[in-house]
Amino acid sequence: MYKRIIYENWHFIVPVVSFVTTVLVFGIMTLRGMLMGKDKAEHMSRLPLE
């Protein structure tokens, strides 16, 4: 009547790869934001207003 879902080895890899990719993308974005120079940050913050 009710069957339990049986995960195979490759089923575990997909969410892990997705999570690692997300962490890397947001980590790189955070590092670029933190290492950005003050003049560049000021210029970027005024772009929508110019």
N, C-alpha and C. Protein backbone atom coordinates (compact mmCIF):
# COMPACT_ATOMS: atom_id res chain seq x y z
N MET A 1 0.82 -1.18 0.00
CA MET A 1 0.00 0.00 0.00
C MET A 1 0.88 1.27 0.00
N TYR A 2 1.72 1.40 0.97
CA TYR A 2 2.58 2.59 1.05
C TYR A 2 4.02 2.14 0.91
N LYS A 3 4.71 2.71 -0.07
CA LYS A 3 6.12 2.38 -0.27
C LYS A 3 6.98 3.55 0.18
N ARG A 4 8.01 3.28 0.89
CA ARG A 4 8.95 4.32 1.29
C ARG A 4 9.82 4.70 0.10
N ILE A 5 10.22 5.96 0.07
CA ILE A 5 11.09 6.42 -1.01
C ILE A 5 12.50 5.95 -0.72
N ILE A 6 13.07 5.26 -1.67
CA ILE A 6 14.44 4.76 -1.51
C ILE A 6 15.35 5.64 -2.36
N TYR A 7 16.24 6.36 -1.69
CA TYR A 7 17.17 7.23 -2.39
C TYR A 7 18.40 6.43 -2.81
N GLU A 8 18.82 6.69 -4.01
CA GLU A 8 20.07 6.09 -4.47
C GLU A 8 21.19 7.11 -4.24
N ASN A 9 22.40 6.71 -4.50
CA ASN A 9 23.54 7.58 -4.23
C ASN A 9 23.48 8.87 -5.03
N TRP A 10 23.06 8.84 -6.28
CA TRP A 10 23.06 10.05 -7.10
C TRP A 10 21.95 11.00 -6.68
N HIS A 11 20.94 10.54 -5.98
CA HIS A 11 19.89 11.43 -5.50
C HIS A 11 20.41 12.37 -4.41
N PHE A 12 21.42 11.95 -3.70
CA PHE A 12 22.00 12.78 -2.65
C PHE A 12 22.91 13.86 -3.24
N ILE A 13 23.48 13.61 -4.40
CA ILE A 13 24.45 14.53 -4.99
C ILE A 13 23.78 15.81 -5.49
N VAL A 14 22.59 15.72 -6.06
CA VAL A 14 21.92 16.89 -6.66
C VAL A 14 21.68 18.01 -5.64
N PRO A 15 21.07 17.75 -4.46
CA PRO A 15 20.89 18.86 -3.53
C PRO A 15 22.21 19.40 -2.96
N VAL A 16 23.19 18.54 -2.81
CA VAL A 16 24.49 18.99 -2.30
C VAL A 16 25.15 19.93 -3.31
N VAL A 17 25.12 19.57 -4.58
CA VAL A 17 25.72 20.42 -5.62
C VAL A 17 24.96 21.75 -5.70
N SER A 18 23.65 21.72 -5.60
CA SER A 18 22.86 22.95 -5.62
C SER A 18 23.21 23.85 -4.45
N PHE A 19 23.31 23.27 -3.27
CA PHE A 19 23.64 24.05 -2.08
C PHE A 19 25.03 24.66 -2.18
N VAL A 20 26.00 23.86 -2.61
CA VAL A 20 27.37 24.35 -2.73
C VAL A 20 27.45 25.47 -3.77
N THR A 21 26.75 25.33 -4.88
CA THR A 21 26.74 26.37 -5.91
C THR A 21 26.15 27.67 -5.37
N THR A 22 25.06 27.56 -4.63
CA THR A 22 24.43 28.75 -4.05
C THR A 22 25.36 29.43 -3.06
N VAL A 23 25.99 28.66 -2.21
CA VAL A 23 26.91 29.23 -1.22
C VAL A 23 28.09 29.90 -1.92
N LEU A 24 28.61 29.29 -2.96
CA LEU A 24 29.73 29.90 -3.68
C LEU A 24 29.33 31.21 -4.34
N VAL A 25 28.19 31.25 -4.99
CA VAL A 25 27.75 32.47 -5.67
C VAL A 25 27.55 33.60 -4.67
N PHE A 26 26.82 33.34 -3.59
CA PHE A 26 26.59 34.39 -2.61
C PHE A 26 27.87 34.75 -1.86
N GLY A 27 28.75 33.80 -1.65
CA GLY A 27 30.03 34.09 -1.01
C GLY A 27 30.90 35.00 -1.86
N ILE A 28 30.95 34.72 -3.16
CA ILE A 28 31.73 35.56 -4.07
C ILE A 28 31.14 36.96 -4.13
N MET A 29 29.81 37.06 -4.19
CA MET A 29 29.17 38.38 -4.21
C MET A 29 29.48 39.16 -2.93
N THR A 30 29.45 38.49 -1.79
CA THR A 30 29.74 39.15 -0.52
C THR A 30 31.18 39.62 -0.46
N LEU A 31 32.11 38.77 -0.88
CA LEU A 31 33.52 39.15 -0.88
C LEU A 31 33.79 40.33 -1.81
N ARG A 32 33.19 40.32 -2.99
CA ARG A 32 33.38 41.44 -3.91
C ARG A 32 32.83 42.72 -3.32
N GLY A 33 31.71 42.63 -2.63
CA GLY A 33 31.14 43.82 -2.00
C GLY A 33 31.99 44.34 -0.86
N MET A 34 32.57 43.43 -0.09
CA MET A 34 33.40 43.84 1.04
C MET A 34 34.74 44.40 0.59
N LEU A 35 35.27 43.91 -0.52
CA LEU A 35 36.58 44.34 -0.99
C LEU A 35 36.50 45.53 -1.95
N MET A 36 35.29 45.96 -2.27
CA MET A 36 35.12 47.08 -3.20
C MET A 36 35.62 48.37 -2.55
N GLY A 37 36.30 49.18 -3.34
CA GLY A 37 36.81 50.45 -2.84
C GLY A 37 35.67 51.41 -2.53
N LYS A 38 35.98 52.39 -1.67
CA LYS A 38 34.96 53.34 -1.26
C LYS A 38 34.45 54.18 -2.42
N ASP A 39 35.35 54.62 -3.30
CA ASP A 39 34.92 55.42 -4.44
C ASP A 39 34.05 54.62 -5.40
N LYS A 40 34.38 53.36 -5.60
CA LYS A 40 33.57 52.48 -6.47
C LYS A 40 32.19 52.24 -5.86
N ALA A 41 32.13 52.06 -4.54
CA ALA A 41 30.85 51.84 -3.86
C ALA A 41 29.97 53.09 -3.97
N GLU A 42 30.58 54.27 -3.83
CA GLU A 42 29.82 55.51 -3.97
C GLU A 42 29.27 55.66 -5.38
N HIS A 43 30.10 55.35 -6.36
CA HIS A 43 29.67 55.43 -7.76
C HIS A 43 28.52 54.46 -8.03
N MET A 44 28.63 53.23 -7.54
CA MET A 44 27.58 52.21 -7.76
C MET A 44 26.29 52.61 -7.05
N SER A 45 26.38 53.25 -5.88
CA SER A 45 25.18 53.61 -5.14
C SER A 45 24.42 54.74 -5.82
N ARG A 46 25.14 55.57 -6.60
CA ARG A 46 24.49 56.69 -7.27
C ARG A 46 24.02 56.36 -8.68
N LEU A 47 24.30 55.18 -9.20
CA LEU A 47 23.93 54.84 -10.57
C LEU A 47 22.44 54.96 -10.87
N PRO A 48 21.54 54.48 -10.03
CA PRO A 48 20.12 54.60 -10.38
C PRO A 48 19.64 56.05 -10.41
N LEU A 49 20.34 56.95 -9.73
CA LEU A 49 19.91 58.33 -9.64
C LEU A 49 20.44 59.20 -10.77
N GLU A 50 21.45 58.71 -11.47
CA GLU A 50 22.07 59.52 -12.54
C GLU A 50 21.35 59.34 -13.86
